[in-house]
């Protein structure tokens, strides 16, 4: 598979969307609410949701491969922690 700039942008959009969904969809269950973690999760989800929107409207034209690698790593961490930004498995 050839990773053209278009393919890299679309891959980045999907990865950012999945990461944002994992963060936004985290359920704390019966645990105590912590405002600073909630604020951080809200800002991270907003940042990750803005990436695919900017790509698909044509505002985000170029991607660095290292940025894609960092976001893939962040997605893996979010999958392993089930969306918990504190890093603790629920």
PDB file of N, CA and C in Angstrom:
ATOM      1  N   UNK A   1       0.838  -1.175   0.000  1.00  0.00           N
ATOM      2  CA  UNK A   1       0.000   0.000   0.000  1.00  0.00           C
ATOM      3  C   UNK A   1       0.888   1.246   0.000  1.00  0.00           C
ATOM      4  N   UNK A   2       0.591   2.143  -0.904  1.00  0.00           N
ATOM      5  CA  UNK A   2       1.353   3.377  -1.001  1.00  0.00           C
ATOM      6  C   UNK A   2       0.667   4.438  -0.152  1.00  0.00           C
ATOM      7  N   UNK A   3       1.437   5.036   0.740  1.00  0.00           N
ATOM      8  CA  UNK A   3       0.877   6.051   1.624  1.00  0.00           C
ATOM      9  C   UNK A   3       1.068   7.431   0.999  1.00  0.00           C
ATOM     10  N   UNK A   4       0.127   7.796   0.161  1.00  0.00           N
ATOM     11  CA  UNK A   4       0.145   9.116  -0.453  1.00  0.00           C
ATOM     12  C   UNK A   4      -0.283  10.152   0.585  1.00  0.00           C
ATOM     13  N   UNK A   5      -0.021  11.423   0.328  1.00  0.00           N
ATOM     14  CA  UNK A   5      -0.469  12.455   1.288  1.00  0.00           C
ATOM     15  C   UNK A   5      -1.969  12.397   1.557  1.00  0.00           C
ATOM     16  N   UNK A   6      -2.773  12.094   0.538  1.00  0.00           N
ATOM     17  CA  UNK A   6      -4.219  11.994   0.740  1.00  0.00           C
ATOM     18  C   UNK A   6      -4.559  10.849   1.686  1.00  0.00           C
ATOM     19  N   UNK A   7      -3.931   9.697   1.492  1.00  0.00           N
ATOM     20  CA  UNK A   7      -4.181   8.535   2.355  1.00  0.00           C
ATOM     21  C   UNK A   7      -3.735   8.829   3.787  1.00  0.00           C
ATOM     22  N   UNK A   8      -2.581   9.477   3.942  1.00  0.00           N
ATOM     23  CA  UNK A   8      -2.100   9.822   5.278  1.00  0.00           C
ATOM     24  C   UNK A   8      -3.063  10.769   5.979  1.00  0.00           C
ATOM     25  N   UNK A   9      -3.597  11.756   5.253  1.00  0.00           N
ATOM     26  CA  UNK A   9      -4.552  12.680   5.848  1.00  0.00           C
ATOM     27  C   UNK A   9      -5.823  11.967   6.288  1.00  0.00           C
ATOM     28  N   UNK A  10      -6.338  11.081   5.456  1.00  0.00           N
ATOM     29  CA  UNK A  10      -7.561  10.359   5.809  1.00  0.00           C
ATOM     30  C   UNK A  10      -7.324   9.418   6.980  1.00  0.00           C
ATOM     31  N   UNK A  11      -6.170   8.770   6.991  1.00  0.00           N
ATOM     32  CA  UNK A  11      -5.809   7.891   8.108  1.00  0.00           C
ATOM     33  C   UNK A  11      -5.711   8.699   9.406  1.00  0.00           C
ATOM     34  N   UNK A  12      -5.104   9.863   9.311  1.00  0.00           N
ATOM     35  CA  UNK A  12      -4.984  10.735  10.482  1.00  0.00           C
ATOM     36  C   UNK A  12      -6.360  11.185  10.971  1.00  0.00           C
ATOM     37  N   UNK A  13      -7.256  11.491  10.055  1.00  0.00           N
ATOM     38  CA  UNK A  13      -8.611  11.919  10.427  1.00  0.00           C
ATOM     39  C   UNK A  13      -9.342  10.803  11.169  1.00  0.00           C
ATOM     40  N   UNK A  14      -9.246   9.594  10.668  1.00  0.00           N
ATOM     41  CA  UNK A  14      -9.941   8.462  11.293  1.00  0.00           C
ATOM     42  C   UNK A  14      -9.343   8.158  12.673  1.00  0.00           C
ATOM     43  N   UNK A  15      -8.029   8.201  12.779  1.00  0.00           N
ATOM     44  CA  UNK A  15      -7.372   7.936  14.066  1.00  0.00           C
ATOM     45  C   UNK A  15      -7.757   8.998  15.086  1.00  0.00           C
ATOM     46  N   UNK A  16      -7.761  10.261  14.674  1.00  0.00           N
ATOM     47  CA  UNK A  16      -8.139  11.337  15.597  1.00  0.00           C
ATOM     48  C   UNK A  16      -9.602  11.217  16.005  1.00  0.00           C
ATOM     49  N   UNK A  17     -10.466  10.857  15.070  1.00  0.00           N
ATOM     50  CA  UNK A  17     -11.884  10.691  15.387  1.00  0.00           C
ATOM     51  C   UNK A  17     -12.091   9.548  16.386  1.00  0.00           C
ATOM     52  N   UNK A  18     -11.415   8.433  16.165  1.00  0.00           N
ATOM     53  CA  UNK A  18     -11.531   7.295  17.093  1.00  0.00           C
ATOM     54  C   UNK A  18     -11.004   7.647  18.482  1.00  0.00           C
ATOM     55  N   UNK A  19      -9.893   8.371  18.532  1.00  0.00           N
ATOM     56  CA  UNK A  19      -9.331   8.776  19.821  1.00  0.00           C
ATOM     57  C   UNK A  19     -10.287   9.712  20.551  1.00  0.00           C
ATOM     58  N   UNK A  20     -10.853  10.671  19.833  1.00  0.00           N
ATOM     59  CA  UNK A  20     -11.813  11.583  20.440  1.00  0.00           C
ATOM     60  C   UNK A  20     -13.042  10.864  20.959  1.00  0.00           C
ATOM     61  N   UNK A  21     -13.520   9.885  20.196  1.00  0.00           N
ATOM     62  CA  UNK A  21     -14.683   9.115  20.630  1.00  0.00           C
ATOM     63  C   UNK A  21     -14.383   8.294  21.879  1.00  0.00           C
ATOM     64  N   UNK A  22     -13.184   7.725  21.950  1.00  0.00           N
ATOM     65  CA  UNK A  22     -12.805   6.960  23.146  1.00  0.00           C
ATOM     66  C   UNK A  22     -12.753   7.851  24.376  1.00  0.00           C
ATOM     67  N   UNK A  23     -12.183   9.037  24.220  1.00  0.00           N
ATOM     68  CA  UNK A  23     -12.086   9.955  25.357  1.00  0.00           C
ATOM     69  C   UNK A  23     -13.472  10.440  25.766  1.00  0.00           C
ATOM     70  N   UNK A  24     -14.272  10.849  24.786  1.00  0.00           N
ATOM     71  CA  UNK A  24     -15.604  11.389  25.085  1.00  0.00           C
ATOM     72  C   UNK A  24     -16.543  10.313  25.627  1.00  0.00           C
ATOM     73  N   UNK A  25     -16.325   9.077  25.235  1.00  0.00           N
ATOM     74  CA  UNK A  25     -17.218   8.009  25.646  1.00  0.00           C
ATOM     75  C   UNK A  25     -16.844   7.313  26.932  1.00  0.00           C
ATOM     76  N   UNK A  26     -15.814   7.807  27.603  1.00  0.00           N
ATOM     77  CA  UNK A  26     -15.395   7.166  28.845  1.00  0.00           C
ATOM     78  C   UNK A  26     -16.475   7.315  29.913  1.00  0.00           C
ATOM     79  N   UNK A  27     -16.791   6.212  30.556  1.00  0.00           N
ATOM     80  CA  UNK A  27     -17.771   6.227  31.638  1.00  0.00           C
ATOM     81  C   UNK A  27     -17.041   5.926  32.939  1.00  0.00           C
ATOM     82  N   UNK A  28     -17.158   6.824  33.886  1.00  0.00           N
ATOM     83  CA  UNK A  28     -16.436   6.652  35.144  1.00  0.00           C
ATOM     84  C   UNK A  28     -17.145   5.696  36.086  1.00  0.00           C
ATOM     85  N   UNK A  29     -18.333   5.263  35.718  1.00  0.00           N
ATOM     86  CA  UNK A  29     -19.068   4.331  36.568  1.00  0.00           C
ATOM     87  C   UNK A  29     -19.467   5.003  37.866  1.00  0.00           C
ATOM     88  N   UNK A  30     -19.212   4.362  38.976  1.00  0.00           N
ATOM     89  CA  UNK A  30     -19.602   4.899  40.262  1.00  0.00           C
ATOM     90  C   UNK A  30     -18.497   5.675  40.955  1.00  0.00           C
ATOM     91  N   UNK A  31     -17.376   5.864  40.270  1.00  0.00           N
ATOM     92  CA  UNK A  31     -16.252   6.554  40.904  1.00  0.00           C
ATOM     93  C   UNK A  31     -16.516   8.053  41.049  1.00  0.00           C
ATOM     94  N   UNK A  32     -15.743   8.676  41.918  1.00  0.00           N
ATOM     95  CA  UNK A  32     -15.897  10.096  42.220  1.00  0.00           C
ATOM     96  C   UNK A  32     -15.480  10.956  41.029  1.00  0.00           C
ATOM     97  N   UNK A  33     -16.194  12.043  40.842  1.00  0.00           N
ATOM     98  CA  UNK A  33     -15.949  12.989  39.762  1.00  0.00           C
ATOM     99  C   UNK A  33     -14.798  13.921  40.128  1.00  0.00           C
ATOM    100  N   UNK A  34     -13.830  14.086  39.238  1.00  0.00           N
ATOM    101  CA  UNK A  34     -12.706  15.003  39.468  1.00  0.00           C
ATOM    102  C   UNK A  34     -12.717  16.043  38.358  1.00  0.00           C
ATOM    103  N   UNK A  35     -12.915  17.294  38.741  1.00  0.00           N
ATOM    104  CA  UNK A  35     -13.096  18.371  37.764  1.00  0.00           C
ATOM    105  C   UNK A  35     -11.899  18.569  36.841  1.00  0.00           C
ATOM    106  N   UNK A  36     -10.687  18.494  37.366  1.00  0.00           N
ATOM    107  CA  UNK A  36      -9.517  18.757  36.530  1.00  0.00           C
ATOM    108  C   UNK A  36      -9.338  17.680  35.462  1.00  0.00           C
ATOM    109  N   UNK A  37      -9.640  16.427  35.788  1.00  0.00           N
ATOM    110  CA  UNK A  37      -9.573  15.376  34.776  1.00  0.00           C
ATOM    111  C   UNK A  37     -10.692  15.533  33.743  1.00  0.00           C
ATOM    112  N   UNK A  38     -11.851  15.954  34.201  1.00  0.00           N
ATOM    113  CA  UNK A  38     -12.964  16.173  33.274  1.00  0.00           C
ATOM    114  C   UNK A  38     -12.661  17.303  32.305  1.00  0.00           C
ATOM    115  N   UNK A  39     -12.075  18.380  32.817  1.00  0.00           N
ATOM    116  CA  UNK A  39     -11.712  19.509  31.957  1.00  0.00           C
ATOM    117  C   UNK A  39     -10.649  19.099  30.947  1.00  0.00           C
ATOM    118  N   UNK A  40      -9.669  18.342  31.394  1.00  0.00           N
ATOM    119  CA  UNK A  40      -8.629  17.865  30.496  1.00  0.00           C
ATOM    120  C   UNK A  40      -9.210  16.939  29.428  1.00  0.00           C
ATOM    121  N   UNK A  41     -10.088  16.043  29.822  1.00  0.00           N
ATOM    122  CA  UNK A  41     -10.712  15.125  28.870  1.00  0.00           C
ATOM    123  C   UNK A  41     -11.550  15.898  27.846  1.00  0.00           C
ATOM    124  N   UNK A  42     -12.269  16.911  28.311  1.00  0.00           N
ATOM    125  CA  UNK A  42     -13.083  17.723  27.407  1.00  0.00           C
ATOM    126  C   UNK A  42     -12.205  18.437  26.384  1.00  0.00           C
ATOM    127  N   UNK A  43     -11.104  19.033  26.834  1.00  0.00           N
ATOM    128  CA  UNK A  43     -10.204  19.741  25.922  1.00  0.00           C
ATOM    129  C   UNK A  43      -9.526  18.787  24.941  1.00  0.00           C
ATOM    130  N   UNK A  44      -9.113  17.621  25.425  1.00  0.00           N
ATOM    131  CA  UNK A  44      -8.497  16.638  24.533  1.00  0.00           C
ATOM    132  C   UNK A  44      -9.484  16.133  23.487  1.00  0.00           C
ATOM    133  N   UNK A  45     -10.699  15.830  23.915  1.00  0.00           N
ATOM    134  CA  UNK A  45     -11.712  15.362  22.973  1.00  0.00           C
ATOM    135  C   UNK A  45     -12.001  16.435  21.933  1.00  0.00           C
ATOM    136  N   UNK A  46     -12.119  17.687  22.358  1.00  0.00           N
ATOM    137  CA  UNK A  46     -12.343  18.787  21.416  1.00  0.00           C
ATOM    138  C   UNK A  46     -11.199  18.900  20.414  1.00  0.00           C
ATOM    139  N   UNK A  47      -9.977  18.799  20.904  1.00  0.00           N
ATOM    140  CA  UNK A  47      -8.819  18.892  20.019  1.00  0.00           C
ATOM    141  C   UNK A  47      -8.800  17.742  19.014  1.00  0.00           C
ATOM    142  N   UNK A  48      -9.095  16.538  19.487  1.00  0.00           N
ATOM    143  CA  UNK A  48      -9.099  15.396  18.572  1.00  0.00           C
ATOM    144  C   UNK A  48     -10.269  15.446  17.597  1.00  0.00           C
ATOM    145  N   UNK A  49     -11.422  15.976  18.018  1.00  0.00           N
ATOM    146  CA  UNK A  49     -12.563  16.101  17.106  1.00  0.00           C
ATOM    147  C   UNK A  49     -12.332  17.186  16.059  1.00  0.00           C
ATOM    148  N   UNK A  50     -11.504  18.182  16.380  1.00  0.00           N
ATOM    149  CA  UNK A  50     -11.269  19.256  15.415  1.00  0.00           C
ATOM    150  C   UNK A  50     -10.390  18.804  14.248  1.00  0.00           C
ATOM    151  N   UNK A  51      -9.564  17.795  14.455  1.00  0.00           N
ATOM    152  CA  UNK A  51      -8.644  17.345  13.407  1.00  0.00           C
ATOM    153  C   UNK A  51      -9.386  16.814  12.184  1.00  0.00           C
ATOM    154  N   UNK A  52     -10.310  15.835  12.329  1.00  0.00           N
ATOM    155  CA  UNK A  52     -10.992  15.355  11.117  1.00  0.00           C
ATOM    156  C   UNK A  52     -11.846  16.432  10.452  1.00  0.00           C
ATOM    157  N   UNK A  53     -12.437  17.309  11.252  1.00  0.00           N
ATOM    158  CA  UNK A  53     -13.245  18.382  10.662  1.00  0.00           C
ATOM    159  C   UNK A  53     -12.360  19.275   9.796  1.00  0.00           C
ATOM    160  N   UNK A  54     -11.197  19.662  10.331  1.00  0.00           N
ATOM    161  CA  UNK A  54     -10.286  20.516   9.570  1.00  0.00           C
ATOM    162  C   UNK A  54      -9.757  19.810   8.326  1.00  0.00           C
ATOM    163  N   UNK A  55      -9.512  18.508   8.417  1.00  0.00           N
ATOM    164  CA  UNK A  55      -9.036  17.765   7.243  1.00  0.00           C
ATOM    165  C   UNK A  55     -10.119  17.708   6.184  1.00  0.00           C
ATOM    166  N   UNK A  56     -11.344  17.387   6.571  1.00  0.00           N
ATOM    167  CA  UNK A  56     -12.413  17.176   5.599  1.00  0.00           C
ATOM    168  C   UNK A  56     -12.966  18.462   4.998  1.00  0.00           C
ATOM    169  N   UNK A  57     -12.738  19.617   5.646  1.00  0.00           N
ATOM    170  CA  UNK A  57     -13.146  20.881   5.024  1.00  0.00           C
ATOM    171  C   UNK A  57     -11.998  21.519   4.246  1.00  0.00           C
ATOM    172  N   UNK A  58     -10.827  20.908   4.278  1.00  0.00           N
ATOM    173  CA  UNK A  58      -9.705  21.377   3.473  1.00  0.00           C
ATOM    174  C   UNK A  58      -8.803  22.385   4.157  1.00  0.00           C
ATOM    175  N   UNK A  59      -8.928  22.554   5.456  1.00  0.00           N
ATOM    176  CA  UNK A  59      -8.096  23.500   6.190  1.00  0.00           C
ATOM    177  C   UNK A  59      -6.765  22.882   6.617  1.00  0.00           C
ATOM    178  N   UNK A  60      -6.697  21.595   6.727  1.00  0.00           N
ATOM    179  CA  UNK A  60      -5.520  20.845   7.188  1.00  0.00           C
ATOM    180  C   UNK A  60      -4.963  20.142   5.959  1.00  0.00           C
ATOM    181  N   UNK A  61      -3.902  20.693   5.355  1.00  0.00           N
ATOM    182  CA  UNK A  61      -3.449  20.204   4.058  1.00  0.00           C
ATOM    183  C   UNK A  61      -2.265  19.261   4.111  1.00  0.00           C
ATOM    184  N   UNK A  62      -1.416  19.403   5.119  1.00  0.00           N
ATOM    185  CA  UNK A  62      -0.208  18.597   5.189  1.00  0.00           C
ATOM    186  C   UNK A  62      -0.106  17.927   6.552  1.00  0.00           C
ATOM    187  N   UNK A  63       0.464  16.725   6.544  1.00  0.00           N
ATOM    188  CA  UNK A  63       0.663  16.010   7.804  1.00  0.00           C
ATOM    189  C   UNK A  63       2.099  15.505   7.869  1.00  0.00           C
ATOM    190  N   UNK A  64       2.662  15.608   9.014  1.00  0.00           N
ATOM    191  CA  UNK A  64       3.986  15.072   9.253  1.00  0.00           C
ATOM    192  C   UNK A  64       3.816  13.622   9.721  1.00  0.00           C
ATOM    193  N   UNK A  65       4.625  12.729   9.215  1.00  0.00           N
ATOM    194  CA  UNK A  65       4.500  11.316   9.594  1.00  0.00           C
ATOM    195  C   UNK A  65       4.699  11.113  11.092  1.00  0.00           C
ATOM    196  N   UNK A  66       5.569  11.893  11.702  1.00  0.00           N
ATOM    197  CA  UNK A  66       5.796  11.729  13.142  1.00  0.00           C
ATOM    198  C   UNK A  66       4.543  12.122  13.932  1.00  0.00           C
ATOM    199  N   UNK A  67       3.775  13.089  13.442  1.00  0.00           N
ATOM    200  CA  UNK A  67       2.515  13.457  14.091  1.00  0.00           C
ATOM    201  C   UNK A  67       1.525  12.294  14.037  1.00  0.00           C
ATOM    202  N   UNK A  68       1.510  11.607  12.911  1.00  0.00           N
ATOM    203  CA  UNK A  68       0.642  10.439  12.767  1.00  0.00           C
ATOM    204  C   UNK A  68       1.060   9.328  13.734  1.00  0.00           C
ATOM    205  N   UNK A  69       2.360   9.122  13.874  1.00  0.00           N
ATOM    206  CA  UNK A  69       2.864   8.089  14.791  1.00  0.00           C
ATOM    207  C   UNK A  69       2.492   8.430  16.235  1.00  0.00           C
ATOM    208  N   UNK A  70       2.623   9.703  16.614  1.00  0.00           N
ATOM    209  CA  UNK A  70       2.255  10.121  17.972  1.00  0.00           C
ATOM    210  C   UNK A  70       0.770   9.879  18.214  1.00  0.00           C
ATOM    211  N   UNK A  71      -0.079  10.209  17.253  1.00  0.00           N
ATOM    212  CA  UNK A  71      -1.514  10.014  17.431  1.00  0.00           C
ATOM    213  C   UNK A  71      -1.905   8.537  17.427  1.00  0.00           C
ATOM    214  N   UNK A  72      -1.189   7.715  16.679  1.00  0.00           N
ATOM    215  CA  UNK A  72      -1.433   6.268  16.740  1.00  0.00           C
ATOM    216  C   UNK A  72      -1.076   5.758  18.137  1.00  0.00           C
ATOM    217  N   UNK A  73       0.056   6.225  18.671  1.00  0.00           N
ATOM    218  CA  UNK A  73       0.449   5.832  20.037  1.00  0.00           C
ATOM    219  C   UNK A  73      -0.570   6.271  21.060  1.00  0.00           C
ATOM    220  N   UNK A  74      -1.092   7.486  20.918  1.00  0.00           N
ATOM    221  CA  UNK A  74      -2.102   7.973  21.855  1.00  0.00           C
ATOM    222  C   UNK A  74      -3.379   7.151  21.739  1.00  0.00           C
ATOM    223  N   UNK A  75      -3.753   6.779  20.510  1.00  0.00           N
ATOM    224  CA  UNK A  75      -4.934   5.933  20.320  1.00  0.00           C
ATOM    225  C   UNK A  75      -4.741   4.579  20.999  1.00  0.00           C
ATOM    226  N   UNK A  76      -3.565   4.001  20.888  1.00  0.00           N
ATOM    227  CA  UNK A  76      -3.291   2.708  21.531  1.00  0.00           C
ATOM    228  C   UNK A  76      -3.409   2.831  23.048  1.00  0.00           C
ATOM    229  N   UNK A  77      -2.874   3.909  23.611  1.00  0.00           N
ATOM    230  CA  UNK A  77      -2.977   4.129  25.054  1.00  0.00           C
ATOM    231  C   UNK A  77      -4.440   4.274  25.465  1.00  0.00           C
ATOM    232  N   UNK A  78      -5.223   5.007  24.679  1.00  0.00           N
ATOM    233  CA  UNK A  78      -6.642   5.189  24.995  1.00  0.00           C
ATOM    234  C   UNK A  78      -7.417   3.876  24.873  1.00  0.00           C
ATOM    235  N   UNK A  79      -7.050   3.035  23.926  1.00  0.00           N
ATOM    236  CA  UNK A  79      -7.706   1.727  23.804  1.00  0.00           C
ATOM    237  C   UNK A  79      -7.380   0.874  25.020  1.00  0.00           C
ATOM    238  N   UNK A  80      -6.102   0.859  25.426  1.00  0.00           N
ATOM    239  CA  UNK A  80      -5.692   0.036  26.568  1.00  0.00           C
ATOM    240  C   UNK A  80      -6.297   0.516  27.881  1.00  0.00           C
ATOM    241  N   UNK A  81      -6.497   1.836  28.004  1.00  0.00           N
ATOM    242  CA  UNK A  81      -7.080   2.366  29.243  1.00  0.00           C
ATOM    243  C   UNK A  81      -8.590   2.563  29.116  1.00  0.00           C
ATOM    244  N   UNK A  82      -9.146   2.137  27.995  1.00  0.00           N
ATOM    245  CA  UNK A  82     -10.596   2.232  27.724  1.00  0.00           C
ATOM    246  C   UNK A  82     -11.108   3.680  27.779  1.00  0.00           C
ATOM    247  N   UNK A  83     -10.271   4.632  27.312  1.00  0.00           N
ATOM    248  CA  UNK A  83     -10.664   6.019  27.245  1.00  0.00           C
ATOM    249  C   UNK A  83     -10.384   6.831  28.493  1.00  0.00           C
ATOM    250  N   UNK A  84      -9.795   6.217  29.497  1.00  0.00           N
ATOM    251  CA  UNK A  84      -9.508   6.917  30.744  1.00  0.00           C
ATOM    252  C   UNK A  84      -8.206   7.710  30.580  1.00  0.00           C
ATOM    253  N   UNK A  85      -8.296   9.040  30.676  1.00  0.00           N
ATOM    254  CA  UNK A  85      -7.097   9.870  30.461  1.00  0.00           C
ATOM    255  C   UNK A  85      -6.105   9.804  31.599  1.00  0.00           C
ATOM    256  N   UNK A  86      -6.522   9.300  32.748  1.00  0.00           N
ATOM    257  CA  UNK A  86      -5.586   9.172  33.864  1.00  0.00           C
ATOM    258  C   UNK A  86      -4.650   7.994  33.659  1.00  0.00           C
ATOM    259  N   UNK A  87      -4.964   7.128  32.706  1.00  0.00           N
ATOM    260  CA  UNK A  87      -4.127   5.987  32.411  1.00  0.00           C
ATOM    261  C   UNK A  87      -4.467   4.746  33.213  1.00  0.00           C
ATOM    262  N   UNK A  88      -5.405   4.871  34.137  1.00  0.00           N
ATOM    263  CA  UNK A  88      -5.785   3.718  34.957  1.00  0.00           C
ATOM    264  C   UNK A  88      -6.842   2.919  34.204  1.00  0.00           C
ATOM    265  N   UNK A  89      -6.694   1.616  34.213  1.00  0.00           N
ATOM    266  CA  UNK A  89      -7.716   0.762  33.593  1.00  0.00           C
ATOM    267  C   UNK A  89      -8.925   0.680  34.484  1.00  0.00           C
ATOM    268  N   UNK A  90     -10.075   0.796  33.861  1.00  0.00           N
ATOM    269  CA  UNK A  90     -11.303   0.711  34.668  1.00  0.00           C
ATOM    270  C   UNK A  90     -11.875  -0.679  34.629  1.00  0.00           C
TER     271      UNK A  90
END
